[in-house]
Amino acid sequence: MTPLESIYAEPEKWHVDSHYFIHEDGFRLWVHSGGQFVHVTAGGKLGIIERWRYWQAFKWWRKNAPITAYTS
């Protein structure tokens, strides 16, 4: 399962801190600056379509995530 698919299928395995959207296995996305600036913190680049898809998934996750997924 890709990280993008995991956001929808396993939202409980994700959490957000002040700047990053983080999966429990360590995959991290910078989401602090908005959709145009989403990027993977290690190991790759995202094209404009992938950034948009991850931003849409992050927005969906914010509406559907358990309250315990928010950390400071």
Protein backbone atom coordinates (compact mmCIF):
# COMPACT_ATOMS: atom_id res chain seq x y z
CA MET A 1 0.00 0.00 0.00
CA THR A 2 1.35 3.41 -0.90
CA PRO A 3 1.47 6.20 1.69
CA LEU A 4 -1.28 8.00 -0.24
CA GLU A 5 -3.56 4.94 -0.08
CA SER A 6 -2.71 4.51 3.60
CA ILE A 7 -4.04 7.96 4.46
CA TYR A 8 -7.53 6.88 3.40
CA ALA A 9 -7.35 3.21 4.46
CA GLU A 10 -5.54 3.61 7.80
CA PRO A 11 -6.05 7.17 9.05
CA GLU A 12 -5.37 6.10 12.63
CA LYS A 13 -1.75 5.32 11.71
CA TRP A 14 -1.07 8.97 10.84
CA HIS A 15 -0.55 11.97 13.06
CA VAL A 16 0.32 15.60 12.60
CA ASP A 17 2.66 17.88 14.49
CA SER A 18 3.35 21.56 13.92
CA HIS A 19 4.86 21.11 10.44
CA TYR A 20 4.72 17.45 9.39
CA PHE A 21 2.18 14.78 8.56
CA ILE A 22 3.76 11.56 9.83
CA HIS A 23 2.98 7.87 9.35
CA GLU A 24 3.86 5.50 12.19
CA ASP A 25 6.55 3.85 10.01
CA GLY A 26 8.38 7.18 9.67
CA PHE A 27 7.15 8.50 6.30
CA ARG A 28 6.91 12.30 6.69
CA LEU A 29 5.32 15.00 4.58
CA TRP A 30 5.90 18.71 5.07
CA VAL A 31 2.38 20.22 5.07
CA HIS A 32 2.86 23.43 7.03
CA SER A 33 2.95 25.82 4.07
CA GLY A 34 -0.06 24.57 2.13
CA GLY A 35 -0.75 22.42 -0.90
CA GLN A 36 1.78 23.94 -3.28
CA PHE A 37 4.62 23.21 -0.90
CA VAL A 38 3.91 19.62 0.18
CA HIS A 39 7.08 17.56 -0.04
CA VAL A 40 8.57 14.32 1.22
CA THR A 41 11.25 15.02 3.79
CA ALA A 42 13.53 12.17 2.69
CA GLY A 43 13.93 9.98 -0.33
CA GLY A 44 12.18 11.58 -3.22
CA LYS A 45 10.41 14.41 -4.95
CA LEU A 46 6.75 14.87 -5.67
CA GLY A 47 5.46 16.26 -8.92
CA ILE A 48 2.70 18.82 -8.98
CA ILE A 49 -0.05 16.18 -9.36
CA GLU A 50 1.29 14.10 -6.47
CA ARG A 51 1.53 17.19 -4.26
CA TRP A 52 -2.09 18.01 -5.05
CA ARG A 53 -3.19 14.42 -4.31
CA TYR A 54 -1.37 14.38 -0.97
CA TRP A 55 -2.80 17.77 -0.06
CA GLN A 56 -6.34 16.58 -0.87
CA ALA A 57 -5.74 13.44 1.20
CA PHE A 58 -4.39 15.55 4.08
CA LYS A 59 -7.47 17.78 3.98
CA TRP A 60 -9.69 14.67 4.02
CA TRP A 61 -7.67 13.27 6.94
CA ARG A 62 -8.06 16.48 8.97
CA LYS A 63 -11.84 16.10 8.75
CA ASN A 64 -11.84 12.37 9.55
CA ALA A 65 -8.89 11.78 11.87
CA PRO A 66 -9.30 10.76 15.50
CA ILE A 67 -8.64 13.61 17.91
CA THR A 68 -5.69 11.70 19.40
CA ALA A 69 -3.82 12.07 16.08
CA TYR A 70 -3.09 15.71 16.78
CA THR A 71 0.12 16.31 18.71
CA SER A 72 2.00 19.44 19.57
